[in-house]
């Protein structure tokens, strides 16, 4: 019982010890329900779930912006070879993922 009391005081002090900034967010009811559900499933509060979501987003999105040099290299390569995959084929391929009739990855070919 003493350890439970200690654990609860640690949780109570958690936000007091952090540099907490309060924000008001406007979200739709479905998002709010999902956040609460996720928090409940994890035994966390909504703020912790949001913090994890932001950390995950930060790990997969390049906030610094586009790599213009890479874009230029790819455009120059296309200009020389005219090899590309038409967008419609890419969309069909992606739409087939996970289906019984998954399409093979489309190959670049000379276009234009």
N, C-alpha and C. Protein backbone atom coordinates (compact mmCIF):
# COMPACT_ATOMS: atom_id res chain seq x y z
N UNK A 1 0.81 -1.19 0.00
CA UNK A 1 0.00 0.00 0.00
C UNK A 1 0.86 1.26 0.00
N UNK A 2 1.98 1.23 0.71
CA UNK A 2 2.84 2.41 0.76
C UNK A 2 3.40 2.72 -0.62
N UNK A 3 3.72 1.67 -1.40
CA UNK A 3 4.27 1.92 -2.73
C UNK A 3 3.23 2.53 -3.65
N UNK A 4 1.94 2.12 -3.49
CA UNK A 4 0.89 2.71 -4.31
C UNK A 4 0.75 4.20 -4.01
N UNK A 5 0.80 4.54 -2.74
CA UNK A 5 0.70 5.93 -2.34
C UNK A 5 1.87 6.72 -2.93
N UNK A 6 3.05 6.13 -2.88
CA UNK A 6 4.23 6.78 -3.44
C UNK A 6 4.08 6.97 -4.95
N UNK A 7 3.59 5.91 -5.65
CA UNK A 7 3.40 6.01 -7.09
C UNK A 7 2.44 7.12 -7.45
N UNK A 8 1.34 7.24 -6.71
CA UNK A 8 0.36 8.29 -7.00
C UNK A 8 0.96 9.68 -6.81
N UNK A 9 1.79 9.83 -5.79
CA UNK A 9 2.38 11.15 -5.59
C UNK A 9 3.37 11.48 -6.71
N UNK A 10 4.03 10.48 -7.23
CA UNK A 10 4.94 10.70 -8.36
C UNK A 10 4.14 11.17 -9.57
N UNK A 11 2.99 10.53 -9.83
CA UNK A 11 2.16 10.95 -10.95
C UNK A 11 1.62 12.37 -10.74
N UNK A 12 1.25 12.67 -9.51
CA UNK A 12 0.74 14.00 -9.21
C UNK A 12 1.81 15.05 -9.45
N UNK A 13 3.04 14.73 -9.13
CA UNK A 13 4.13 15.69 -9.27
C UNK A 13 4.71 15.74 -10.68
N UNK A 14 4.33 14.79 -11.52
CA UNK A 14 4.91 14.67 -12.86
C UNK A 14 4.79 15.98 -13.64
N UNK A 15 3.57 16.51 -13.74
CA UNK A 15 3.38 17.72 -14.52
C UNK A 15 3.93 18.95 -13.81
N UNK A 16 3.94 18.93 -12.48
CA UNK A 16 4.50 20.05 -11.75
C UNK A 16 5.99 20.16 -12.02
N UNK A 17 6.66 19.02 -12.19
CA UNK A 17 8.09 19.01 -12.42
C UNK A 17 8.46 19.32 -13.87
N UNK A 18 7.51 19.14 -14.78
CA UNK A 18 7.77 19.42 -16.19
C UNK A 18 7.56 20.90 -16.47
N UNK A 19 8.10 21.35 -17.56
CA UNK A 19 7.86 22.70 -18.04
C UNK A 19 6.59 22.66 -18.89
N UNK A 20 5.44 22.70 -18.23
CA UNK A 20 4.16 22.52 -18.90
C UNK A 20 3.67 23.85 -19.46
N UNK A 21 3.23 23.80 -20.69
CA UNK A 21 2.61 24.95 -21.34
C UNK A 21 1.19 24.52 -21.69
N UNK A 22 0.23 25.29 -21.30
CA UNK A 22 -1.16 24.97 -21.59
C UNK A 22 -1.55 25.52 -22.96
N UNK A 23 -2.21 24.68 -23.74
CA UNK A 23 -2.70 25.07 -25.06
C UNK A 23 -4.16 24.66 -25.15
N UNK A 24 -4.92 25.42 -25.88
CA UNK A 24 -6.30 25.05 -26.16
C UNK A 24 -6.37 24.65 -27.62
N UNK A 25 -6.82 23.43 -27.86
CA UNK A 25 -6.93 22.91 -29.22
C UNK A 25 -8.38 22.66 -29.55
N UNK A 26 -8.78 23.00 -30.75
CA UNK A 26 -10.12 22.69 -31.22
C UNK A 26 -10.02 21.45 -32.10
N UNK A 27 -10.67 20.38 -31.66
CA UNK A 27 -10.67 19.13 -32.42
C UNK A 27 -12.11 18.64 -32.54
N UNK A 28 -12.35 17.80 -33.51
CA UNK A 28 -13.70 17.28 -33.69
C UNK A 28 -13.97 16.18 -32.65
N UNK A 29 -15.23 15.86 -32.47
CA UNK A 29 -15.65 14.90 -31.45
C UNK A 29 -15.04 13.51 -31.66
N UNK A 30 -14.93 13.09 -32.92
CA UNK A 30 -14.35 11.76 -33.20
C UNK A 30 -12.88 11.70 -32.78
N UNK A 31 -12.12 12.76 -33.07
CA UNK A 31 -10.71 12.81 -32.68
C UNK A 31 -10.58 12.82 -31.16
N UNK A 32 -11.43 13.59 -30.50
CA UNK A 32 -11.41 13.63 -29.04
C UNK A 32 -11.70 12.26 -28.46
N UNK A 33 -12.70 11.58 -29.01
CA UNK A 33 -13.04 10.25 -28.52
C UNK A 33 -11.88 9.28 -28.72
N UNK A 34 -11.23 9.36 -29.87
CA UNK A 34 -10.10 8.46 -30.16
C UNK A 34 -8.93 8.76 -29.22
N UNK A 35 -8.65 10.04 -28.97
CA UNK A 35 -7.57 10.40 -28.05
C UNK A 35 -7.84 9.84 -26.66
N UNK A 36 -9.07 10.00 -26.20
CA UNK A 36 -9.42 9.49 -24.86
C UNK A 36 -9.31 7.97 -24.81
N UNK A 37 -9.74 7.31 -25.89
CA UNK A 37 -9.66 5.85 -25.96
C UNK A 37 -8.20 5.39 -25.93
N UNK A 38 -7.36 6.05 -26.72
CA UNK A 38 -5.94 5.68 -26.75
C UNK A 38 -5.30 5.91 -25.38
N UNK A 39 -5.63 7.02 -24.75
CA UNK A 39 -5.07 7.32 -23.43
C UNK A 39 -5.50 6.25 -22.42
N UNK A 40 -6.75 5.88 -22.47
CA UNK A 40 -7.26 4.85 -21.55
C UNK A 40 -6.57 3.51 -21.80
N UNK A 41 -6.42 3.13 -23.06
CA UNK A 41 -5.75 1.86 -23.40
C UNK A 41 -4.32 1.81 -22.89
N UNK A 42 -3.65 2.96 -22.89
CA UNK A 42 -2.24 3.03 -22.49
C UNK A 42 -2.06 3.38 -21.01
N UNK A 43 -3.15 3.71 -20.34
CA UNK A 43 -3.03 4.13 -18.95
C UNK A 43 -2.34 5.48 -18.82
N UNK A 44 -2.53 6.33 -19.82
CA UNK A 44 -1.91 7.65 -19.85
C UNK A 44 -3.01 8.71 -19.92
N UNK A 45 -2.60 9.95 -19.81
CA UNK A 45 -3.56 11.01 -20.06
C UNK A 45 -3.43 11.46 -21.52
N UNK A 46 -4.39 12.25 -21.96
CA UNK A 46 -4.43 12.69 -23.35
C UNK A 46 -3.17 13.48 -23.72
N UNK A 47 -2.66 14.28 -22.79
CA UNK A 47 -1.45 15.07 -23.07
C UNK A 47 -0.27 14.16 -23.42
N UNK A 48 -0.13 13.04 -22.72
CA UNK A 48 0.97 12.12 -23.00
C UNK A 48 0.81 11.48 -24.38
N UNK A 49 -0.43 11.13 -24.74
CA UNK A 49 -0.69 10.55 -26.06
C UNK A 49 -0.35 11.56 -27.15
N UNK A 50 -0.76 12.81 -26.95
CA UNK A 50 -0.44 13.86 -27.93
C UNK A 50 1.06 14.08 -28.04
N UNK A 51 1.76 14.06 -26.91
CA UNK A 51 3.22 14.24 -26.94
C UNK A 51 3.88 13.11 -27.73
N UNK A 52 3.41 11.87 -27.54
CA UNK A 52 3.96 10.75 -28.30
C UNK A 52 3.66 10.90 -29.79
N UNK A 53 2.46 11.37 -30.11
CA UNK A 53 2.08 11.54 -31.51
C UNK A 53 2.96 12.60 -32.19
N UNK A 54 3.23 13.67 -31.49
CA UNK A 54 4.09 14.72 -32.04
C UNK A 54 5.51 14.20 -32.23
N UNK A 55 6.01 13.42 -31.26
CA UNK A 55 7.35 12.85 -31.38
C UNK A 55 7.43 11.91 -32.58
N UNK A 56 6.38 11.10 -32.78
CA UNK A 56 6.35 10.19 -33.93
C UNK A 56 6.31 10.97 -35.23
N UNK A 57 5.47 11.99 -35.30
CA UNK A 57 5.39 12.82 -36.49
C UNK A 57 6.74 13.46 -36.79
N UNK A 58 7.38 13.96 -35.76
CA UNK A 58 8.69 14.59 -35.93
C UNK A 58 9.73 13.62 -36.45
N UNK A 59 9.58 12.34 -36.10
CA UNK A 59 10.56 11.34 -36.53
C UNK A 59 10.39 10.93 -38.00
N UNK A 60 9.22 11.19 -38.57
CA UNK A 60 8.98 10.75 -39.95
C UNK A 60 8.79 11.89 -40.94
N UNK A 61 8.64 13.13 -40.46
CA UNK A 61 8.43 14.27 -41.35
C UNK A 61 9.65 15.18 -41.27
N UNK A 62 10.17 15.54 -42.43
CA UNK A 62 11.31 16.44 -42.48
C UNK A 62 10.81 17.87 -42.37
N UNK A 63 10.91 18.43 -41.17
CA UNK A 63 10.41 19.77 -40.91
C UNK A 63 11.26 20.83 -41.61
N UNK A 64 12.50 20.50 -41.90
CA UNK A 64 13.41 21.48 -42.48
C UNK A 64 13.03 21.88 -43.89
N UNK A 65 12.15 21.14 -44.50
CA UNK A 65 11.71 21.51 -45.83
C UNK A 65 12.27 20.60 -46.90
N UNK A 66 11.95 20.91 -48.14
CA UNK A 66 12.34 20.03 -49.25
C UNK A 66 13.84 20.07 -49.51
N UNK A 67 14.32 18.96 -50.06
CA UNK A 67 15.71 18.87 -50.48
C UNK A 67 15.75 19.30 -51.94
N UNK A 68 15.95 20.57 -52.16
CA UNK A 68 15.89 21.15 -53.50
C UNK A 68 16.96 20.54 -54.40
N UNK A 69 18.14 20.27 -53.86
CA UNK A 69 19.21 19.67 -54.68
C UNK A 69 18.79 18.29 -55.17
N UNK A 70 18.14 17.50 -54.32
CA UNK A 70 17.67 16.17 -54.73
C UNK A 70 16.57 16.30 -55.78
N UNK A 71 15.67 17.25 -55.58
CA UNK A 71 14.62 17.48 -56.58
C UNK A 71 15.23 17.85 -57.93
N UNK A 72 16.25 18.70 -57.91
CA UNK A 72 16.91 19.12 -59.14
C UNK A 72 17.60 17.93 -59.81
N UNK A 73 18.27 17.09 -59.01
CA UNK A 73 18.94 15.91 -59.56
C UNK A 73 17.94 14.99 -60.25
N UNK A 74 16.79 14.77 -59.60
CA UNK A 74 15.78 13.89 -60.18
C UNK A 74 15.17 14.49 -61.45
N UNK A 75 14.94 15.79 -61.44
CA UNK A 75 14.39 16.44 -62.63
C UNK A 75 15.39 16.35 -63.78
N UNK A 76 16.66 16.59 -63.51
CA UNK A 76 17.69 16.48 -64.55
C UNK A 76 17.75 15.06 -65.10
N UNK A 77 17.65 14.06 -64.22
CA UNK A 77 17.68 12.66 -64.68
C UNK A 77 16.48 12.38 -65.57
N UNK A 78 15.30 12.87 -65.18
CA UNK A 78 14.11 12.67 -66.01
C UNK A 78 14.26 13.37 -67.36
N UNK A 79 14.77 14.58 -67.34
CA UNK A 79 14.94 15.34 -68.58
C UNK A 79 15.85 14.59 -69.55
N UNK A 80 16.88 13.93 -69.03
CA UNK A 80 17.80 13.17 -69.88
C UNK A 80 17.20 11.86 -70.36
N UNK A 81 16.53 11.12 -69.48
CA UNK A 81 16.07 9.78 -69.82
C UNK A 81 14.60 9.72 -70.22
N UNK A 82 13.81 10.68 -69.78
CA UNK A 82 12.35 10.70 -69.95
C UNK A 82 11.71 9.46 -69.34
N UNK A 83 12.38 8.80 -68.39
CA UNK A 83 11.85 7.60 -67.74
C UNK A 83 11.10 8.00 -66.48
N UNK A 84 9.85 7.53 -66.39
CA UNK A 84 9.02 7.84 -65.23
C UNK A 84 7.88 6.83 -65.15
N UNK A 85 7.15 6.89 -64.07
CA UNK A 85 5.95 6.06 -63.90
C UNK A 85 4.76 7.02 -63.88
N UNK A 86 3.80 6.84 -64.78
CA UNK A 86 2.62 7.71 -64.79
C UNK A 86 1.87 7.63 -63.46
N UNK A 87 1.35 8.77 -63.02
CA UNK A 87 0.68 8.87 -61.73
C UNK A 87 -0.48 7.89 -61.60
N UNK A 88 -1.24 7.71 -62.65
CA UNK A 88 -2.37 6.77 -62.61
C UNK A 88 -1.94 5.36 -62.26
N UNK A 89 -0.78 4.94 -62.78
CA UNK A 89 -0.27 3.60 -62.47
C UNK A 89 0.16 3.51 -61.01
N UNK A 90 0.75 4.57 -60.50
CA UNK A 90 1.16 4.59 -59.09
C UNK A 90 -0.08 4.50 -58.20
N UNK A 91 -1.11 5.28 -58.53
CA UNK A 91 -2.34 5.26 -57.74
C UNK A 91 -2.98 3.87 -57.75
N UNK A 92 -3.03 3.23 -58.89
CA UNK A 92 -3.60 1.88 -58.98
C UNK A 92 -2.80 0.89 -58.16
N UNK A 93 -1.49 1.01 -58.23
CA UNK A 93 -0.60 0.11 -57.48
C UNK A 93 -0.85 0.28 -55.98
N UNK A 94 -0.85 1.53 -55.49
CA UNK A 94 -1.04 1.79 -54.06
C UNK A 94 -2.43 1.33 -53.62
N UNK A 95 -3.44 1.57 -54.44
CA UNK A 95 -4.81 1.16 -54.10
C UNK A 95 -4.93 -0.36 -53.97
N UNK A 96 -4.05 -1.09 -54.64
CA UNK A 96 -4.12 -2.55 -54.61
C UNK A 96 -3.42 -3.17 -53.40
N UNK A 97 -2.67 -2.38 -52.65
CA UNK A 97 -1.93 -2.91 -51.50
C UNK A 97 -2.87 -3.58 -50.52
N UNK A 98 -2.50 -4.75 -50.08
CA UNK A 98 -3.28 -5.47 -49.08
C UNK A 98 -4.48 -6.21 -49.65
N UNK A 99 -4.71 -6.10 -50.95
CA UNK A 99 -5.85 -6.80 -51.55
C UNK A 99 -5.39 -8.18 -52.05
N UNK A 100 -6.35 -8.98 -52.42
CA UNK A 100 -6.03 -10.30 -52.97
C UNK A 100 -5.36 -10.18 -54.33
N UNK A 101 -5.59 -9.07 -55.02
CA UNK A 101 -5.02 -8.86 -56.35
C UNK A 101 -4.02 -7.72 -56.36
N UNK A 102 -3.06 -7.77 -55.43
CA UNK A 102 -2.07 -6.71 -55.33
C UNK A 102 -1.25 -6.64 -56.62
N UNK A 103 -1.12 -5.44 -57.14
CA UNK A 103 -0.38 -5.24 -58.38
C UNK A 103 1.12 -5.19 -58.12
N UNK A 104 1.93 -5.60 -59.10
CA UNK A 104 3.38 -5.45 -58.95
C UNK A 104 3.76 -3.97 -59.04
N UNK A 105 4.89 -3.65 -58.45
CA UNK A 105 5.39 -2.27 -58.49
C UNK A 105 5.58 -1.86 -59.95
N UNK A 106 5.03 -0.71 -60.35
CA UNK A 106 5.19 -0.29 -61.75
C UNK A 106 6.63 0.12 -62.04
N UNK A 107 7.06 -0.19 -63.24
CA UNK A 107 8.44 0.14 -63.63
C UNK A 107 8.46 1.43 -64.44
N UNK A 108 9.49 2.24 -64.23
CA UNK A 108 9.61 3.45 -65.05
C UNK A 108 9.79 3.08 -66.53
N UNK A 109 9.29 3.94 -67.36
CA UNK A 109 9.45 3.76 -68.81
C UNK A 109 9.50 5.13 -69.45
N UNK A 110 9.96 5.14 -70.67
CA UNK A 110 10.09 6.42 -71.38
C UNK A 110 8.69 6.96 -71.66
N UNK A 111 8.47 8.20 -71.23
CA UNK A 111 7.19 8.85 -71.48
C UNK A 111 7.45 10.24 -72.06
N UNK A 112 6.43 10.82 -72.63
CA UNK A 112 6.53 12.18 -73.16
C UNK A 112 7.40 12.25 -74.32
